[in-house]
Amino acid sequence: MKPIKDNVLVELDDRVSISKGGIHIPAISQTTGEWGTVVATGSECLDLSEGDRVLVLKTQGTHYIQQGKDMVILPEKKVLAIDVA
């Protein structure tokens, strides 16, 4: 899939976390942000490129499943941060 204009396609990280005690914490109980990796960008994206690790809000964009992976497509301006580490 290739996003158009300033949209980006992000593959979200696995949403299930495990506490130190071994308890599974569902995504709904976690923070409102999600980390993921940009897998494609539209032709008008200026600041993001494929492979960038980004933070997005769970409530932003269009979420869907593609080949068993959680994906979201959203405008570049809705990305909150880029991981520089």
C-alpha atoms as a PDB file:
ATOM      1  CA  MET A   1       0.000   0.000   0.000  1.00  0.00           C
ATOM      2  CA  LYS A   2       1.284   3.480  -0.874  1.00  0.00           C
ATOM      3  CA  PRO A   3      -0.171   6.457   1.019  1.00  0.00           C
ATOM      4  CA  ILE A   4      -1.105   9.566  -0.954  1.00  0.00           C
ATOM      5  CA  LYS A   5      -0.185  13.215  -0.369  1.00  0.00           C
ATOM      6  CA  ASP A   6       1.105  13.823   3.195  1.00  0.00           C
ATOM      7  CA  ASN A   7      -0.114  10.539   4.713  1.00  0.00           C
ATOM      8  CA  VAL A   8       2.147   7.950   6.322  1.00  0.00           C
ATOM      9  CA  LEU A   9       1.614   4.230   6.875  1.00  0.00           C
ATOM     10  CA  VAL A  10       2.853   3.011  10.267  1.00  0.00           C
ATOM     11  CA  GLU A  11       3.212  -0.569  11.481  1.00  0.00           C
ATOM     12  CA  LEU A  12       2.430  -0.446  15.186  1.00  0.00           C
ATOM     13  CA  ASP A  13       4.494  -2.309  17.745  1.00  0.00           C
ATOM     14  CA  ASP A  14       3.063  -5.333  19.532  1.00  0.00           C
ATOM     15  CA  ARG A  15       0.395  -3.893  21.812  1.00  0.00           C
ATOM     16  CA  VAL A  16       0.564  -6.420  24.652  1.00  0.00           C
ATOM     17  CA  SER A  17       2.978  -5.661  27.461  1.00  0.00           C
ATOM     18  CA  ILE A  18       4.017  -7.865  30.338  1.00  0.00           C
ATOM     19  CA  SER A  19       4.549  -6.459  33.820  1.00  0.00           C
ATOM     20  CA  LYS A  20       7.560  -7.382  35.960  1.00  0.00           C
ATOM     21  CA  GLY A  21       5.353  -9.945  37.693  1.00  0.00           C
ATOM     22  CA  GLY A  22       4.431 -11.595  34.384  1.00  0.00           C
ATOM     23  CA  ILE A  23       0.934 -10.130  34.073  1.00  0.00           C
ATOM     24  CA  HIS A  24      -0.254  -9.292  30.537  1.00  0.00           C
ATOM     25  CA  ILE A  25      -1.336  -5.649  30.277  1.00  0.00           C
ATOM     26  CA  PRO A  26      -3.812  -5.062  27.428  1.00  0.00           C
ATOM     27  CA  ALA A  27      -3.384  -2.079  25.131  1.00  0.00           C
ATOM     28  CA  ILE A  28      -6.492  -0.378  26.506  1.00  0.00           C
ATOM     29  CA  SER A  29      -4.760  -0.090  29.895  1.00  0.00           C
ATOM     30  CA  GLN A  30      -1.560   1.365  28.528  1.00  0.00           C
ATOM     31  CA  THR A  31      -0.747   4.968  27.646  1.00  0.00           C
ATOM     32  CA  THR A  32      -2.623   6.811  24.932  1.00  0.00           C
ATOM     33  CA  GLY A  33       0.389   6.805  22.608  1.00  0.00           C
ATOM     34  CA  GLU A  34       1.721   3.953  20.482  1.00  0.00           C
ATOM     35  CA  TRP A  35       5.142   3.427  18.962  1.00  0.00           C
ATOM     36  CA  GLY A  36       5.535   2.092  15.463  1.00  0.00           C
ATOM     37  CA  THR A  37       7.689   2.100  12.344  1.00  0.00           C
ATOM     38  CA  VAL A  38       6.959   4.070   9.181  1.00  0.00           C
ATOM     39  CA  VAL A  39       6.651   1.571   6.317  1.00  0.00           C
ATOM     40  CA  ALA A  40       5.553   3.969   3.554  1.00  0.00           C
ATOM     41  CA  THR A  41       5.110   7.699   2.996  1.00  0.00           C
ATOM     42  CA  GLY A  42       3.119   9.804   0.577  1.00  0.00           C
ATOM     43  CA  SER A  43       4.807  12.030  -1.985  1.00  0.00           C
ATOM     44  CA  GLU A  44       4.210  15.215   0.062  1.00  0.00           C
ATOM     45  CA  CYS A  45       5.791  14.010   3.340  1.00  0.00           C
ATOM     46  CA  LEU A  46       8.630  16.280   4.372  1.00  0.00           C
ATOM     47  CA  ASP A  47       9.879  15.116   7.782  1.00  0.00           C
ATOM     48  CA  LEU A  48       9.367  11.348   7.816  1.00  0.00           C
ATOM     49  CA  SER A  49      10.845   8.511   5.824  1.00  0.00           C
ATOM     50  CA  GLU A  50      10.565   4.723   5.756  1.00  0.00           C
ATOM     51  CA  GLY A  51      12.130   3.087   8.804  1.00  0.00           C
ATOM     52  CA  ASP A  52      11.563   6.026  11.186  1.00  0.00           C
ATOM     53  CA  ARG A  53      10.302   5.050  14.665  1.00  0.00           C
ATOM     54  CA  VAL A  54       7.373   7.307  15.543  1.00  0.00           C
ATOM     55  CA  LEU A  55       4.898   7.945  18.357  1.00  0.00           C
ATOM     56  CA  VAL A  56       1.233   8.354  17.402  1.00  0.00           C
ATOM     57  CA  LEU A  57      -1.961   8.765  19.411  1.00  0.00           C
ATOM     58  CA  LYS A  58      -4.191   5.693  19.567  1.00  0.00           C
ATOM     59  CA  THR A  59      -7.153   7.862  18.582  1.00  0.00           C
ATOM     60  CA  GLN A  60      -5.575   9.290  15.413  1.00  0.00           C
ATOM     61  CA  GLY A  61      -5.705   7.914  11.899  1.00  0.00           C
ATOM     62  CA  THR A  62      -7.362   4.864  10.406  1.00  0.00           C
ATOM     63  CA  HIS A  63      -6.410   1.620  12.138  1.00  0.00           C
ATOM     64  CA  TYR A  64      -6.615  -1.736  10.341  1.00  0.00           C
ATOM     65  CA  ILE A  65      -5.005  -5.179  10.146  1.00  0.00           C
ATOM     66  CA  GLN A  66      -2.766  -6.034   7.167  1.00  0.00           C
ATOM     67  CA  GLN A  67      -1.332  -9.553   6.975  1.00  0.00           C
ATOM     68  CA  GLY A  68      -1.788  -9.979  10.734  1.00  0.00           C
ATOM     69  CA  LYS A  69      -0.031  -6.705  11.630  1.00  0.00           C
ATOM     70  CA  ASP A  70      -1.618  -3.665  13.306  1.00  0.00           C
ATOM     71  CA  MET A  71      -1.334  -0.708  10.942  1.00  0.00           C
ATOM     72  CA  VAL A  72      -2.435   2.923  10.987  1.00  0.00           C
ATOM     73  CA  ILE A  73      -2.522   5.469   8.189  1.00  0.00           C
ATOM     74  CA  LEU A  74      -2.548   9.119   9.211  1.00  0.00           C
ATOM     75  CA  PRO A  75      -1.398  12.573   8.103  1.00  0.00           C
ATOM     76  CA  GLU A  76       2.257  13.312   8.796  1.00  0.00           C
ATOM     77  CA  LYS A  77       1.288  16.289  10.997  1.00  0.00           C
ATOM     78  CA  LYS A  78      -0.519  13.911  13.409  1.00  0.00           C
ATOM     79  CA  VAL A  79       2.733  12.109  14.303  1.00  0.00           C
ATOM     80  CA  LEU A  80       3.768  13.248  17.791  1.00  0.00           C
ATOM     81  CA  ALA A  81       7.481  12.391  17.830  1.00  0.00           C
ATOM     82  CA  ILE A  82      10.341  10.637  16.060  1.00  0.00           C
ATOM     83  CA  ASP A  83      12.658   8.339  18.043  1.00  0.00           C
ATOM     84  CA  VAL A  84      16.195   9.665  17.539  1.00  0.00           C
ATOM     85  CA  ALA A  85      17.969   7.027  19.639  1.00  0.00           C
END
